[in-house]
Amino acid sequence: MFTLTQETPNDWWEVEALYDLCFAPGRTALSSYRLRENVPPVEGLSIVARDAAGIVGGAIRYWPVLVGGVRALLLGPVAVHPTRQGEGLGALLISDSLQRARDLGWERVMLVGDAPYYRRFGFTPLPGVIMPPPTNPDRVLGQDLQPGAWQGVRGDVTRMGS
């Protein structure tokens, strides 16, 4: 049993340690981190999952980006502690946070990830959406949070405010 809460400043070090454990400290060299640099995560969509003992088992964050000048959410990172993997926690974090994003009025969400895993959440390839290099274009996926939200949206993914 996990409790999902919005991440607070007091959670930051625990969440960062989880991300380092799951992705290695070199994770910040990935192209998606250039889009997150000096940009706060989207309020209300950074979620921490704690077990009954209060230990962080997983976390997810979202960031605002522009795709060809159109607002979108960038999902990631999402991580589950290795000792809690296989319990459905990643799916819970993704499903819960996508609903929160809809409730907050966001129209579209994207990520860089494995299509076979994210397909079950409704993500599909986004041809014409270009992440900063080096990013495999086959791993750029998106989902409409509102019907037709990705229709006609193409171009470079840039930091909000760039």
C-alpha atoms as a PDB file:
ATOM      1  CA  MET A   1       0.000   0.000   0.000  1.00  0.00           C
ATOM      2  CA  PHE A   2       1.389   3.341  -1.054  1.00  0.00           C
ATOM      3  CA  THR A   3       0.320   6.884  -0.338  1.00  0.00           C
ATOM      4  CA  LEU A   4       0.713   9.342  -3.207  1.00  0.00           C
ATOM      5  CA  THR A   5       1.393  12.957  -2.266  1.00  0.00           C
ATOM      6  CA  GLN A   6       2.631  16.019  -4.056  1.00  0.00           C
ATOM      7  CA  GLU A   7       6.378  16.381  -3.773  1.00  0.00           C
ATOM      8  CA  THR A   8       7.446  19.075  -1.311  1.00  0.00           C
ATOM      9  CA  PRO A   9      10.835  20.766  -0.880  1.00  0.00           C
ATOM     10  CA  ASN A  10      11.440  18.382   2.049  1.00  0.00           C
ATOM     11  CA  ASP A  11      11.170  15.410  -0.353  1.00  0.00           C
ATOM     12  CA  TRP A  12      13.765  16.743  -2.795  1.00  0.00           C
ATOM     13  CA  TRP A  13      16.881  14.932  -1.500  1.00  0.00           C
ATOM     14  CA  GLU A  14      15.105  11.584  -1.153  1.00  0.00           C
ATOM     15  CA  VAL A  15      13.637  11.855  -4.638  1.00  0.00           C
ATOM     16  CA  GLU A  16      16.970  12.893  -6.159  1.00  0.00           C
ATOM     17  CA  ALA A  17      18.662   9.933  -4.423  1.00  0.00           C
ATOM     18  CA  LEU A  18      16.013   7.612  -5.900  1.00  0.00           C
ATOM     19  CA  TYR A  19      16.599   9.015  -9.392  1.00  0.00           C
ATOM     20  CA  ASP A  20      20.367   8.614  -8.977  1.00  0.00           C
ATOM     21  CA  LEU A  21      19.884   5.020  -7.832  1.00  0.00           C
ATOM     22  CA  CYS A  22      17.595   4.144 -10.728  1.00  0.00           C
ATOM     23  CA  PHE A  23      19.274   6.115 -13.515  1.00  0.00           C
ATOM     24  CA  ALA A  24      22.857   6.720 -12.304  1.00  0.00           C
ATOM     25  CA  PRO A  25      24.293  10.157 -11.575  1.00  0.00           C
ATOM     26  CA  GLY A  26      25.065  10.682 -15.289  1.00  0.00           C
ATOM     27  CA  ARG A  27      21.322  10.976 -15.941  1.00  0.00           C
ATOM     28  CA  THR A  28      21.589  14.762 -15.969  1.00  0.00           C
ATOM     29  CA  ALA A  29      23.652  14.574 -19.181  1.00  0.00           C
ATOM     30  CA  LEU A  30      20.572  13.345 -21.103  1.00  0.00           C
ATOM     31  CA  SER A  31      19.026  15.746 -23.606  1.00  0.00           C
ATOM     32  CA  SER A  32      15.753  15.933 -21.679  1.00  0.00           C
ATOM     33  CA  TYR A  33      17.616  17.489 -18.745  1.00  0.00           C
ATOM     34  CA  ARG A  34      18.559  20.486 -20.907  1.00  0.00           C
ATOM     35  CA  LEU A  35      14.832  21.175 -21.162  1.00  0.00           C
ATOM     36  CA  ARG A  36      14.482  21.022 -17.365  1.00  0.00           C
ATOM     37  CA  GLU A  37      17.490  23.161 -16.449  1.00  0.00           C
ATOM     38  CA  ASN A  38      16.490  26.193 -14.357  1.00  0.00           C
ATOM     39  CA  VAL A  39      12.797  25.411 -14.934  1.00  0.00           C
ATOM     40  CA  PRO A  40      10.681  24.301 -11.965  1.00  0.00           C
ATOM     41  CA  PRO A  41       8.584  21.154 -12.383  1.00  0.00           C
ATOM     42  CA  VAL A  42       4.872  21.666 -12.989  1.00  0.00           C
ATOM     43  CA  GLU A  43       3.135  22.371  -9.712  1.00  0.00           C
ATOM     44  CA  GLY A  44       0.780  19.608  -8.651  1.00  0.00           C
ATOM     45  CA  LEU A  45       2.312  16.952 -10.915  1.00  0.00           C
ATOM     46  CA  SER A  46       5.449  15.961  -9.025  1.00  0.00           C
ATOM     47  CA  ILE A  47       4.246  12.969  -7.042  1.00  0.00           C
ATOM     48  CA  VAL A  48       5.993  10.895  -4.374  1.00  0.00           C
ATOM     49  CA  ALA A  49       4.849   7.397  -3.390  1.00  0.00           C
ATOM     50  CA  ARG A  50       5.615   6.368   0.197  1.00  0.00           C
ATOM     51  CA  ASP A  51       4.978   3.000   1.780  1.00  0.00           C
ATOM     52  CA  ALA A  52       3.322   2.492   5.166  1.00  0.00           C
ATOM     53  CA  ALA A  53       6.672   3.110   6.893  1.00  0.00           C
ATOM     54  CA  GLY A  54       7.054   6.449   5.079  1.00  0.00           C
ATOM     55  CA  ILE A  55       9.850   5.238   2.803  1.00  0.00           C
ATOM     56  CA  VAL A  56       9.948   6.603  -0.753  1.00  0.00           C
ATOM     57  CA  GLY A  57       9.147   3.792  -3.162  1.00  0.00           C
ATOM     58  CA  GLY A  58       8.683   5.860  -6.300  1.00  0.00           C
ATOM     59  CA  ALA A  59       8.431   9.334  -7.767  1.00  0.00           C
ATOM     60  CA  ILE A  60       7.399  11.119 -10.945  1.00  0.00           C
ATOM     61  CA  ARG A  61       7.878  14.664 -12.225  1.00  0.00           C
ATOM     62  CA  TYR A  62       6.570  16.719 -15.159  1.00  0.00           C
ATOM     63  CA  TRP A  63       8.032  19.782 -16.836  1.00  0.00           C
ATOM     64  CA  PRO A  64       6.536  22.466 -19.079  1.00  0.00           C
ATOM     65  CA  VAL A  65       7.925  22.545 -22.621  1.00  0.00           C
ATOM     66  CA  LEU A  66       7.031  24.024 -25.978  1.00  0.00           C
ATOM     67  CA  VAL A  67       6.671  21.930 -29.135  1.00  0.00           C
ATOM     68  CA  GLY A  68       6.771  24.163 -32.162  1.00  0.00           C
ATOM     69  CA  GLY A  69       5.634  26.966 -29.851  1.00  0.00           C
ATOM     70  CA  VAL A  70       2.708  24.951 -28.385  1.00  0.00           C
ATOM     71  CA  ARG A  71       2.573  24.140 -24.663  1.00  0.00           C
ATOM     72  CA  ALA A  72       3.034  20.518 -23.606  1.00  0.00           C
ATOM     73  CA  LEU A  73       4.043  18.479 -20.595  1.00  0.00           C
ATOM     74  CA  LEU A  74       7.278  16.506 -20.551  1.00  0.00           C
ATOM     75  CA  LEU A  75       6.836  13.446 -18.346  1.00  0.00           C
ATOM     76  CA  GLY A  76       9.920  12.291 -16.550  1.00  0.00           C
ATOM     77  CA  PRO A  77      11.677  11.073 -14.805  1.00  0.00           C
ATOM     78  CA  VAL A  78       9.546   8.350 -13.269  1.00  0.00           C
ATOM     79  CA  ALA A  79      11.340   5.919 -11.002  1.00  0.00           C
ATOM     80  CA  VAL A  80      10.529   3.020  -8.708  1.00  0.00           C
ATOM     81  CA  HIS A  81      12.997   1.800  -6.091  1.00  0.00           C
ATOM     82  CA  PRO A  82      14.522  -1.533  -7.200  1.00  0.00           C
ATOM     83  CA  THR A  83      13.089  -3.290  -4.130  1.00  0.00           C
ATOM     84  CA  ARG A  84       9.560  -2.134  -5.087  1.00  0.00           C
ATOM     85  CA  GLN A  85       9.635  -2.898  -8.805  1.00  0.00           C
ATOM     86  CA  GLY A  86       7.054  -5.337 -10.117  1.00  0.00           C
ATOM     87  CA  GLU A  87       4.384  -4.141  -7.675  1.00  0.00           C
ATOM     88  CA  GLY A  88       2.601  -1.847 -10.147  1.00  0.00           C
ATOM     89  CA  LEU A  89       3.899   1.321  -8.539  1.00  0.00           C
ATOM     90  CA  GLY A  90       5.205   2.804 -11.790  1.00  0.00           C
ATOM     91  CA  ALA A  91       1.822   2.241 -13.434  1.00  0.00           C
ATOM     92  CA  LEU A  92       0.075   3.805 -10.445  1.00  0.00           C
ATOM     93  CA  LEU A  93       2.295   6.902 -10.577  1.00  0.00           C
ATOM     94  CA  ILE A  94       1.828   7.321 -14.324  1.00  0.00           C
ATOM     95  CA  SER A  95      -1.951   6.755 -14.337  1.00  0.00           C
ATOM     96  CA  ASP A  96      -2.567   8.949 -11.303  1.00  0.00           C
ATOM     97  CA  SER A  97      -0.407  11.795 -12.567  1.00  0.00           C
ATOM     98  CA  LEU A  98      -1.919  11.728 -16.071  1.00  0.00           C
ATOM     99  CA  GLN A  99      -5.364  12.139 -14.526  1.00  0.00           C
ATOM    100  CA  ARG A 100      -4.063  15.008 -12.381  1.00  0.00           C
ATOM    101  CA  ALA A 101      -2.677  16.635 -15.549  1.00  0.00           C
ATOM    102  CA  ARG A 102      -6.090  16.339 -17.241  1.00  0.00           C
ATOM    103  CA  ASP A 103      -7.761  17.791 -14.154  1.00  0.00           C
ATOM    104  CA  LEU A 104      -5.343  20.744 -14.244  1.00  0.00           C
ATOM    105  CA  GLY A 105      -6.334  21.448 -17.866  1.00  0.00           C
ATOM    106  CA  TRP A 106      -3.206  20.268 -19.669  1.00  0.00           C
ATOM    107  CA  GLU A 107      -3.930  19.178 -23.234  1.00  0.00           C
ATOM    108  CA  ARG A 108      -0.925  17.075 -24.255  1.00  0.00           C
ATOM    109  CA  VAL A 109       1.941  15.148 -22.708  1.00  0.00           C
ATOM    110  CA  MET A 110       5.129  13.705 -24.157  1.00  0.00           C
ATOM    111  CA  LEU A 111       8.105  11.659 -23.005  1.00  0.00           C
ATOM    112  CA  VAL A 112      11.204   9.892 -24.216  1.00  0.00           C
ATOM    113  CA  GLY A 113      10.849   6.197 -23.473  1.00  0.00           C
ATOM    114  CA  ASP A 114      10.192   2.645 -24.549  1.00  0.00           C
ATOM    115  CA  ALA A 115       7.085   2.425 -26.720  1.00  0.00           C
ATOM    116  CA  PRO A 116       6.203  -1.148 -25.646  1.00  0.00           C
ATOM    117  CA  TYR A 117       6.043  -0.070 -21.983  1.00  0.00           C
ATOM    118  CA  TYR A 118       4.266   3.275 -22.444  1.00  0.00           C
ATOM    119  CA  ARG A 119       1.787   2.058 -25.077  1.00  0.00           C
ATOM    120  CA  ARG A 120      -0.400   0.596 -22.327  1.00  0.00           C
ATOM    121  CA  PHE A 121      -0.889   4.111 -20.938  1.00  0.00           C
ATOM    122  CA  GLY A 122      -1.978   5.450 -24.330  1.00  0.00           C
ATOM    123  CA  PHE A 123       1.340   6.834 -25.589  1.00  0.00           C
ATOM    124  CA  THR A 124       2.124   6.651 -29.305  1.00  0.00           C
ATOM    125  CA  PRO A 125       5.027   7.877 -31.459  1.00  0.00           C
ATOM    126  CA  LEU A 126       5.166  11.604 -32.233  1.00  0.00           C
ATOM    127  CA  PRO A 127       6.564  11.929 -35.765  1.00  0.00           C
ATOM    128  CA  GLY A 128       7.702  15.464 -36.434  1.00  0.00           C
ATOM    129  CA  VAL A 129       8.345  16.268 -32.760  1.00  0.00           C
ATOM    130  CA  ILE A 130      12.075  16.803 -32.412  1.00  0.00           C
ATOM    131  CA  MET A 131      13.853  16.461 -29.082  1.00  0.00           C
ATOM    132  CA  PRO A 132      17.333  17.951 -28.627  1.00  0.00           C
ATOM    133  CA  PRO A 133      20.062  15.562 -29.788  1.00  0.00           C
ATOM    134  CA  PRO A 134      21.066  12.922 -29.156  1.00  0.00           C
ATOM    135  CA  THR A 135      17.557  11.488 -28.895  1.00  0.00           C
ATOM    136  CA  ASN A 136      16.294   8.504 -30.861  1.00  0.00           C
ATOM    137  CA  PRO A 137      13.156   9.828 -32.619  1.00  0.00           C
ATOM    138  CA  ASP A 138      11.476   6.425 -32.213  1.00  0.00           C
ATOM    139  CA  ARG A 139      11.485   6.986 -28.431  1.00  0.00           C
ATOM    140  CA  VAL A 140       9.618  10.320 -28.609  1.00  0.00           C
ATOM    141  CA  LEU A 141       6.071   9.463 -27.536  1.00  0.00           C
ATOM    142  CA  GLY A 142       2.966  11.451 -26.723  1.00  0.00           C
ATOM    143  CA  GLN A 143      -0.594  11.266 -25.554  1.00  0.00           C
ATOM    144  CA  ASP A 144      -3.610  13.517 -26.020  1.00  0.00           C
ATOM    145  CA  LEU A 145      -4.987  14.562 -22.658  1.00  0.00           C
ATOM    146  CA  GLN A 146      -7.766  16.317 -24.560  1.00  0.00           C
ATOM    147  CA  PRO A 147      -9.096  14.864 -27.841  1.00  0.00           C
ATOM    148  CA  GLY A 148      -6.945  15.746 -30.853  1.00  0.00           C
ATOM    149  CA  ALA A 149      -4.452  17.785 -28.821  1.00  0.00           C
ATOM    150  CA  TRP A 150      -1.384  16.561 -30.745  1.00  0.00           C
ATOM    151  CA  GLN A 151      -3.038  16.934 -34.162  1.00  0.00           C
ATOM    152  CA  GLY A 152      -0.856  19.241 -36.271  1.00  0.00           C
ATOM    153  CA  VAL A 153       1.661  19.874 -33.472  1.00  0.00           C
ATOM    154  CA  ARG A 154       5.174  19.526 -34.870  1.00  0.00           C
ATOM    155  CA  GLY A 155       8.588  21.050 -34.409  1.00  0.00           C
ATOM    156  CA  ASP A 156      11.428  21.373 -31.968  1.00  0.00           C
ATOM    157  CA  VAL A 157      10.902  20.740 -28.262  1.00  0.00           C
ATOM    158  CA  THR A 158      12.236  23.740 -26.353  1.00  0.00           C
ATOM    159  CA  ARG A 159      12.296  24.928 -22.786  1.00  0.00           C
ATOM    160  CA  MET A 160       9.354  26.979 -21.635  1.00  0.00           C
ATOM    161  CA  GLY A 161      10.445  30.572 -21.945  1.00  0.00           C
ATOM    162  CA  SER A 162      13.086  29.827 -24.604  1.00  0.00           C
END
